[in-house]
Amino acid sequence: MATKRSVGTLKEADLKGKSVFVRVDLNVPLDDNSNITDDTRIRAAIPTIKYLMENGSRVVLCSHLGRPKGVTPKFSLKPLVPRLSELLGVEVVMANDSIGEEVQKLVAGLPEGGVLLLENVRFYKEEEKNDPEFAKKLAALADVYVNDAFGTAHRAHASTEGVAKYLKPSVAGFLMQKELDYLVGADKLDLAKSLMEKAKAKGVSLLLPTDVVIADKFAPDANSKIVAATAIPDGWMGLDIGPDSIKTFSEALDTTKTIIWNGPMGVFEFDKFAAGTEAVAKQLAELSGKGVTTIIGGGDSVAAVEKVGLADKMSHISTGGGASLELLEGKPLPGVLALDDA
């Protein structure tokens, strides 16, 4: 699968004053009083939206909620506005529709950095049929298309696939990019095998996870269980190391004098799959206190130690990611660079 262009490649010059149509997945559970019972999906969408706001875009958010048959008030996105506004620090404007002149006026009236939430796109049956005319009406609202709804990326709907034909650039949001990186990263097995051979030949000990925490989908609310690393069932994916691996890695780390950490143990942004990364971060912080040199290299590892609040306990935090690794090698090693797209 080809690497897709990410929203991070768009800069202020591409975004300032532009209307950006962002397909997000705000399909959150609501109780009978329309209160959000789990806002994880809303929080997961924030980094992409904030990036667009900070670069002066007019942000047009499009999502579905549930499986409505036609316009159904209980599937309205209105109850999401207060939480979305709170997380973004701006008053999110709510549209009563997802297409049409009224909506176009609301988009035109947005200030730079303003956010408009369209009404549930599945109120139109044309959405799930990927109707080209409907996709054109959605595209008429914006200049740029960002898809950050990985949960719906497997469906060719008007808002996930159709609209991209009429808006350029069409790019992946940060959440979508992370998922693509994980899946595309799965192609690197041959490289990993060759590295294992090399390590063996040089007598370098290479520890791999023996158990993993698996998920039935790439989502914070996925079902999860612990299995042997060799026994991941079809349709499931490993999103963290398991308790046995944490113990093994921990024992190995206890014998070291210098540790260079590049890359988290799992998808630590999702609390359910953060245990491995947090355990390693905590242990490195403890070892630093005992005089072990701990170097954190790579954006994700840095984000992980910051999330656990232990960044200041490490000996050194490199913001360089891949570059810090190159420096250590003394030469650019494509094999190592391939391990981390920083």
Protein backbone atom coordinates (compact mmCIF):
# COMPACT_ATOMS: atom_id res chain seq x y z
CA MET A 1 0.00 0.00 0.00
CA ALA A 2 1.48 3.31 -1.05
CA THR A 3 2.29 5.85 1.61
CA LYS A 4 -0.42 8.51 1.60
CA ARG A 5 0.13 12.24 1.86
CA SER A 6 -0.48 13.50 5.37
CA VAL A 7 -2.09 16.71 6.56
CA GLY A 8 1.26 17.55 8.18
CA THR A 9 2.69 18.22 4.69
CA LEU A 10 0.22 21.09 4.28
CA LYS A 11 1.59 24.33 5.67
CA GLU A 12 0.08 27.73 6.45
CA ALA A 13 0.44 28.83 2.81
CA ASP A 14 -1.72 25.86 1.73
CA LEU A 15 -4.29 26.28 4.50
CA LYS A 16 -4.70 29.93 5.51
CA GLY A 17 -8.15 31.19 4.56
CA LYS A 18 -9.04 27.87 2.92
CA SER A 19 -12.13 25.84 3.76
CA VAL A 20 -11.06 22.34 4.74
CA PHE A 21 -13.57 19.48 4.69
CA VAL A 22 -12.54 17.03 7.42
CA ARG A 23 -14.20 13.62 7.59
CA VAL A 24 -13.90 12.67 11.25
CA ASP A 25 -15.32 9.76 13.20
CA LEU A 26 -17.45 11.28 15.96
CA ASN A 27 -19.64 8.19 16.22
CA VAL A 28 -19.68 8.27 20.04
CA PRO A 29 -22.10 6.49 22.36
CA LEU A 30 -24.88 8.66 23.82
CA ASP A 31 -27.21 7.80 26.71
CA ASP A 32 -31.00 8.29 26.63
CA ASN A 33 -30.56 11.94 27.59
CA SER A 34 -28.10 12.53 24.73
CA ASN A 35 -25.10 12.73 27.09
CA ILE A 36 -21.81 11.44 25.67
CA THR A 37 -20.81 8.33 27.65
CA ASP A 38 -17.34 7.98 26.07
CA ASP A 39 -15.65 10.90 24.28
CA THR A 40 -12.54 9.01 23.16
CA ARG A 41 -13.31 9.36 19.46
CA ILE A 42 -13.85 13.09 19.81
CA ARG A 43 -10.51 13.47 21.61
CA ALA A 44 -8.77 11.38 18.96
CA ALA A 45 -9.92 13.83 16.26
CA ILE A 46 -8.61 16.95 18.04
CA PRO A 47 -4.94 17.03 16.86
CA THR A 48 -5.89 17.23 13.17
CA ILE A 49 -8.60 19.86 13.78
CA LYS A 50 -6.28 21.99 15.96
CA TYR A 51 -3.52 21.83 13.34
CA LEU A 52 -5.90 23.15 10.70
CA MET A 53 -7.21 25.87 13.06
CA GLU A 54 -3.68 26.98 13.95
CA ASN A 55 -2.87 27.31 10.26
CA GLY A 56 -5.82 29.61 9.61
CA SER A 57 -8.25 27.19 7.95
CA ARG A 58 -12.02 27.32 8.08
CA VAL A 59 -12.69 23.82 9.34
CA VAL A 60 -15.80 21.97 8.17
CA LEU A 61 -16.33 18.76 10.17
CA CYS A 62 -18.32 15.90 8.71
CA SER A 63 -19.26 12.73 10.61
CA HIS A 64 -21.95 10.13 10.97
CA LEU A 65 -23.55 8.92 14.18
CA GLY A 66 -25.22 5.54 14.38
CA ARG A 67 -27.21 4.10 11.50
CA PRO A 68 -30.14 6.44 10.96
CA LYS A 69 -32.78 5.72 8.35
CA GLY A 70 -33.34 9.24 7.09
CA VAL A 71 -33.45 12.26 9.41
CA THR A 72 -33.69 10.92 12.97
CA PRO A 73 -33.37 13.48 15.82
CA LYS A 74 -31.82 10.97 18.24
CA PHE A 75 -28.88 10.59 15.82
CA SER A 76 -28.26 14.34 15.57
CA LEU A 77 -24.68 15.51 16.18
CA LYS A 78 -25.88 18.57 18.15
CA PRO A 79 -25.17 16.99 21.58
CA LEU A 80 -21.46 16.83 20.60
CA VAL A 81 -21.06 20.59 20.17
CA PRO A 82 -20.37 21.51 23.85
CA ARG A 83 -17.63 18.87 24.30
CA LEU A 84 -16.08 19.62 20.92
CA SER A 85 -16.06 23.36 21.70
CA GLU A 86 -14.49 22.70 25.10
CA LEU A 87 -11.70 20.52 23.66
CA LEU A 88 -10.94 22.95 20.82
CA GLY A 89 -11.22 26.13 22.85
CA VAL A 90 -13.55 27.77 20.29
CA GLU A 91 -17.30 27.99 19.92
CA VAL A 92 -18.08 25.30 17.32
CA VAL A 93 -20.89 26.35 14.95
CA MET A 94 -23.58 23.70 14.30
CA ALA A 95 -25.24 23.36 10.89
CA ASN A 96 -28.76 21.96 10.56
CA ASP A 97 -27.81 20.10 7.38
CA SER A 98 -24.72 18.72 5.66
CA ILE A 99 -25.23 20.24 2.18
CA GLY A 100 -26.96 23.18 0.55
CA GLU A 101 -26.97 26.97 0.42
CA GLU A 102 -27.56 27.57 4.13
CA VAL A 103 -24.53 25.43 4.97
CA GLN A 104 -22.44 27.20 2.33
CA LYS A 105 -23.33 30.54 3.96
CA LEU A 106 -22.23 29.23 7.36
CA VAL A 107 -18.88 28.11 5.88
CA ALA A 108 -18.38 31.49 4.21
CA GLY A 109 -19.14 33.21 7.53
CA LEU A 110 -16.51 31.26 9.49
CA PRO A 111 -13.46 33.22 10.63
CA GLU A 112 -9.99 31.79 9.99
CA GLY A 113 -9.52 29.12 12.66
CA GLY A 114 -13.30 28.73 12.98
CA VAL A 115 -15.03 25.34 13.10
CA LEU A 116 -18.38 24.24 11.66
CA LEU A 117 -19.93 20.85 12.44
CA LEU A 118 -22.24 19.50 9.74
CA GLU A 119 -25.32 17.53 10.73
CA ASN A 120 -25.13 13.71 10.53
CA VAL A 121 -24.10 12.92 6.96
CA ARG A 122 -25.97 9.61 7.07
CA PHE A 123 -29.29 11.47 7.25
CA TYR A 124 -28.92 11.24 3.46
CA LYS A 125 -29.15 7.74 1.98
CA GLU A 126 -26.90 9.04 -0.84
CA GLU A 127 -23.97 9.05 1.62
CA GLU A 128 -23.75 5.27 1.93
CA LYS A 129 -24.50 4.83 -1.78
CA ASN A 130 -21.50 7.04 -2.59
CA ASP A 131 -23.75 9.07 -4.88
CA PRO A 132 -21.53 11.32 -7.08
CA GLU A 133 -24.02 14.22 -7.05
CA PHE A 134 -24.17 14.12 -3.24
CA ALA A 135 -20.36 13.93 -3.05
CA LYS A 136 -20.17 17.01 -5.29
CA LYS A 137 -22.52 18.89 -2.95
CA LEU A 138 -20.27 18.03 0.01
CA ALA A 139 -17.18 19.05 -1.97
CA ALA A 140 -18.82 22.39 -2.82
CA LEU A 141 -18.31 23.37 0.84
CA ALA A 142 -14.51 23.34 0.76
CA ASP A 143 -11.15 23.68 -1.01
CA VAL A 144 -9.19 20.88 0.66
CA TYR A 145 -10.15 17.37 1.84
CA VAL A 146 -8.78 15.62 4.93
CA ASN A 147 -9.89 12.12 5.91
CA ASP A 148 -9.22 11.36 9.57
CA ALA A 149 -11.93 8.72 9.99
CA PHE A 150 -10.05 5.46 9.85
CA GLY A 151 -13.03 3.64 11.31
CA THR A 152 -14.99 4.31 8.12
CA ALA A 153 -12.10 4.16 5.65
CA HIS A 154 -13.06 0.64 4.62
CA ARG A 155 -16.36 1.96 3.32
CA ALA A 156 -16.62 3.78 -0.02
CA HIS A 157 -19.14 6.42 1.00
CA ALA A 158 -19.65 9.90 -0.41
CA SER A 159 -17.88 11.59 2.52
CA THR A 160 -15.01 9.09 2.70
CA GLU A 161 -14.28 8.36 -0.94
CA GLY A 162 -16.55 10.24 -3.34
CA VAL A 163 -15.68 13.73 -2.14
CA ALA A 164 -11.94 13.14 -2.60
CA LYS A 165 -12.49 13.02 -6.37
CA TYR A 166 -13.61 16.65 -6.37
CA LEU A 167 -11.20 18.20 -3.86
CA LYS A 168 -7.44 18.46 -4.19
CA PRO A 169 -5.32 18.07 -2.20
CA SER A 170 -6.94 15.10 -0.49
CA VAL A 171 -4.81 14.01 2.45
CA ALA A 172 -4.85 11.77 5.50
CA GLY A 173 -5.35 13.30 8.95
CA PHE A 174 -2.93 12.52 11.79
CA LEU A 175 -5.02 9.69 13.23
CA MET A 176 -5.46 8.08 9.82
CA GLN A 177 -1.73 8.53 9.16
CA LYS A 178 -0.83 6.74 12.38
CA GLU A 179 -3.00 3.80 11.41
CA LEU A 180 -1.56 3.69 7.89
CA ASP A 181 1.95 3.76 9.35
CA TYR A 182 1.09 0.77 11.53
CA LEU A 183 -0.36 -1.19 8.64
CA VAL A 184 2.28 -0.21 6.11
CA GLY A 185 4.88 -0.97 8.79
CA ALA A 186 3.64 -4.53 8.72
CA ASP A 187 5.33 -4.83 5.31
CA LYS A 188 8.73 -4.57 6.96
CA LEU A 189 8.86 -8.18 8.15
CA ASP A 190 11.59 -9.15 5.68
CA LEU A 191 13.77 -6.34 6.96
CA ALA A 192 13.14 -7.41 10.56
CA LYS A 193 14.11 -10.99 9.71
CA SER A 194 17.37 -9.86 8.12
CA LEU A 195 18.16 -7.74 11.18
CA MET A 196 17.56 -10.78 13.39
CA GLU A 197 20.08 -12.77 11.33
CA LYS A 198 22.65 -9.98 11.64
CA ALA A 199 22.15 -9.64 15.38
CA LYS A 200 22.57 -13.39 15.80
CA ALA A 201 25.77 -13.41 13.71
CA LYS A 202 27.26 -10.62 15.83
CA GLY A 203 26.18 -12.10 19.15
CA VAL A 204 23.90 -9.15 19.87
CA SER A 205 20.92 -10.10 21.97
CA LEU A 206 17.67 -9.12 20.30
CA LEU A 207 14.60 -9.41 22.47
CA LEU A 208 11.21 -9.66 20.85
CA PRO A 209 7.81 -9.64 22.54
CA THR A 210 6.58 -13.09 23.55
CA ASP A 211 3.01 -11.95 24.19
CA VAL A 212 0.93 -9.07 22.86
CA VAL A 213 -2.27 -7.22 23.63
CA ILE A 214 -4.45 -7.60 20.57
CA ALA A 215 -7.40 -5.57 19.32
CA ASP A 216 -10.22 -6.36 16.91
CA LYS A 217 -9.93 -2.88 15.36
CA PHE A 218 -7.62 0.13 15.46
CA ALA A 219 -9.69 2.16 17.90
CA PRO A 220 -9.51 3.28 21.54
CA ASP A 221 -12.67 1.32 22.33
CA ALA A 222 -11.58 -1.90 20.62
CA ASN A 223 -12.07 -5.26 22.30
CA SER A 224 -8.73 -6.51 23.58
CA LYS A 225 -7.11 -9.66 24.91
CA ILE A 226 -3.63 -11.00 25.60
CA VAL A 227 -2.24 -13.76 23.37
CA ALA A 228 1.14 -15.25 22.50
CA ALA A 229 2.97 -13.16 19.90
CA THR A 230 2.76 -16.09 17.50
CA ALA A 231 -0.99 -16.57 17.95
CA ILE A 232 -2.68 -13.39 16.72
CA PRO A 233 -5.96 -14.48 15.11
CA ASP A 234 -7.02 -13.28 11.66
CA GLY A 235 -8.69 -9.90 11.75
CA TRP A 236 -6.95 -8.89 15.01
CA MET A 237 -3.83 -6.76 15.42
CA GLY A 238 -1.19 -6.40 18.11
CA LEU A 239 -1.37 -2.91 19.63
CA ASP A 240 0.83 -3.35 22.72
CA ILE A 241 3.28 -5.77 24.33
CA GLY A 242 1.85 -8.14 26.93
CA PRO A 243 2.72 -8.60 30.64
CA ASP A 244 5.30 -11.37 30.03
CA SER A 245 7.14 -9.19 27.52
CA ILE A 246 7.09 -6.26 29.95
CA LYS A 247 8.71 -8.51 32.58
CA THR A 248 11.39 -9.83 30.16
CA PHE A 249 12.27 -6.36 28.86
CA SER A 250 12.31 -5.02 32.40
CA GLU A 251 14.80 -7.67 33.56
CA ALA A 252 17.06 -6.94 30.58
CA LEU A 253 16.96 -3.19 31.19
CA ASP A 254 18.01 -3.70 34.81
CA THR A 255 21.45 -4.90 33.65
CA THR A 256 22.28 -1.90 31.44
CA LYS A 257 24.42 1.21 31.79
CA THR A 258 23.11 3.09 28.74
CA ILE A 259 19.67 2.86 27.15
CA ILE A 260 18.60 4.41 23.86
CA TRP A 261 14.86 4.20 23.34
CA ASN A 262 13.34 4.72 19.94
CA GLY A 263 9.69 3.93 19.34
CA PRO A 264 6.86 3.13 21.77
CA MET A 265 5.83 -0.41 22.73
CA GLY A 266 2.33 0.09 21.40
CA VAL A 267 -0.38 2.57 20.53
CA PHE A 268 0.02 4.50 23.78
CA GLU A 269 -2.41 7.21 22.61
CA PHE A 270 -5.17 4.69 23.33
CA ASP A 271 -5.22 4.11 27.12
CA LYS A 272 -6.10 0.44 26.67
CA PHE A 273 -2.84 -0.14 24.79
CA ALA A 274 -0.50 2.10 26.77
CA ALA A 275 0.64 -0.28 29.54
CA GLY A 276 3.80 -1.53 27.78
CA THR A 277 5.03 1.92 26.83
CA GLU A 278 4.25 3.34 30.27
CA ALA A 279 6.03 0.47 32.04
CA VAL A 280 9.20 1.05 30.00
CA ALA A 281 9.02 4.82 30.56
CA LYS A 282 8.64 4.37 34.33
CA GLN A 283 11.53 1.94 34.47
CA LEU A 284 13.82 4.22 32.47
CA ALA A 285 12.97 7.08 34.85
CA GLU A 286 13.91 4.89 37.84
CA LEU A 287 17.16 3.75 36.20
CA SER A 288 18.10 7.36 35.37
CA GLY A 289 17.88 8.07 39.07
CA LYS A 290 20.40 5.27 39.67
CA GLY A 291 22.93 6.73 37.24
CA VAL A 292 21.99 4.85 34.06
CA THR A 293 22.18 7.04 30.94
CA THR A 294 18.77 7.15 29.26
CA ILE A 295 18.40 8.69 25.82
CA ILE A 296 14.98 9.07 24.27
CA GLY A 297 15.03 9.51 20.50
CA GLY A 298 12.08 9.76 18.18
CA GLY A 299 8.92 11.81 18.32
CA ASP A 300 6.62 9.04 19.50
CA SER A 301 8.89 7.94 22.36
CA VAL A 302 9.23 11.56 23.41
CA ALA A 303 5.45 11.99 23.34
CA ALA A 304 5.13 8.80 25.40
CA VAL A 305 7.45 9.91 28.22
CA GLU A 306 5.76 13.31 28.23
CA LYS A 307 2.34 11.68 28.53
CA VAL A 308 3.50 9.76 31.60
CA GLY A 309 5.02 12.98 32.97
CA LEU A 310 8.55 11.57 33.14
CA ALA A 311 10.34 13.55 30.44
CA ASP A 312 12.39 15.55 32.95
CA LYS A 313 13.69 12.34 34.58
CA MET A 314 15.53 11.16 31.43
CA SER A 315 19.20 11.96 30.78
CA HIS A 316 18.54 13.30 27.30
CA ILE A 317 15.57 13.71 25.02
CA SER A 318 16.37 14.01 21.34
CA THR A 319 13.75 15.54 19.13
CA GLY A 320 15.51 14.15 16.09
CA GLY A 321 13.88 10.77 15.74
CA GLY A 322 15.53 9.08 12.79
CA ALA A 323 18.24 11.71 12.72
CA SER A 324 19.37 10.87 16.24
CA LEU A 325 19.74 7.26 15.18
CA GLU A 326 21.79 8.20 12.12
CA LEU A 327 24.05 10.18 14.37
CA LEU A 328 24.63 7.17 16.61
CA GLU A 329 25.51 4.98 13.64
CA GLY A 330 27.87 7.49 12.12
CA LYS A 331 26.32 6.78 8.74
CA PRO A 332 22.85 6.73 7.25
CA LEU A 333 21.54 3.18 7.69
CA PRO A 334 18.48 2.76 5.50
CA GLY A 335 17.57 -0.33 7.48
CA VAL A 336 17.29 1.58 10.73
CA LEU A 337 15.65 4.57 9.11
CA ALA A 338 13.00 2.22 7.75
CA LEU A 339 12.09 1.31 11.32
CA ASP A 340 10.89 4.77 12.20
CA ASP A 341 9.22 7.34 10.02
CA ALA A 342 9.93 10.34 12.19
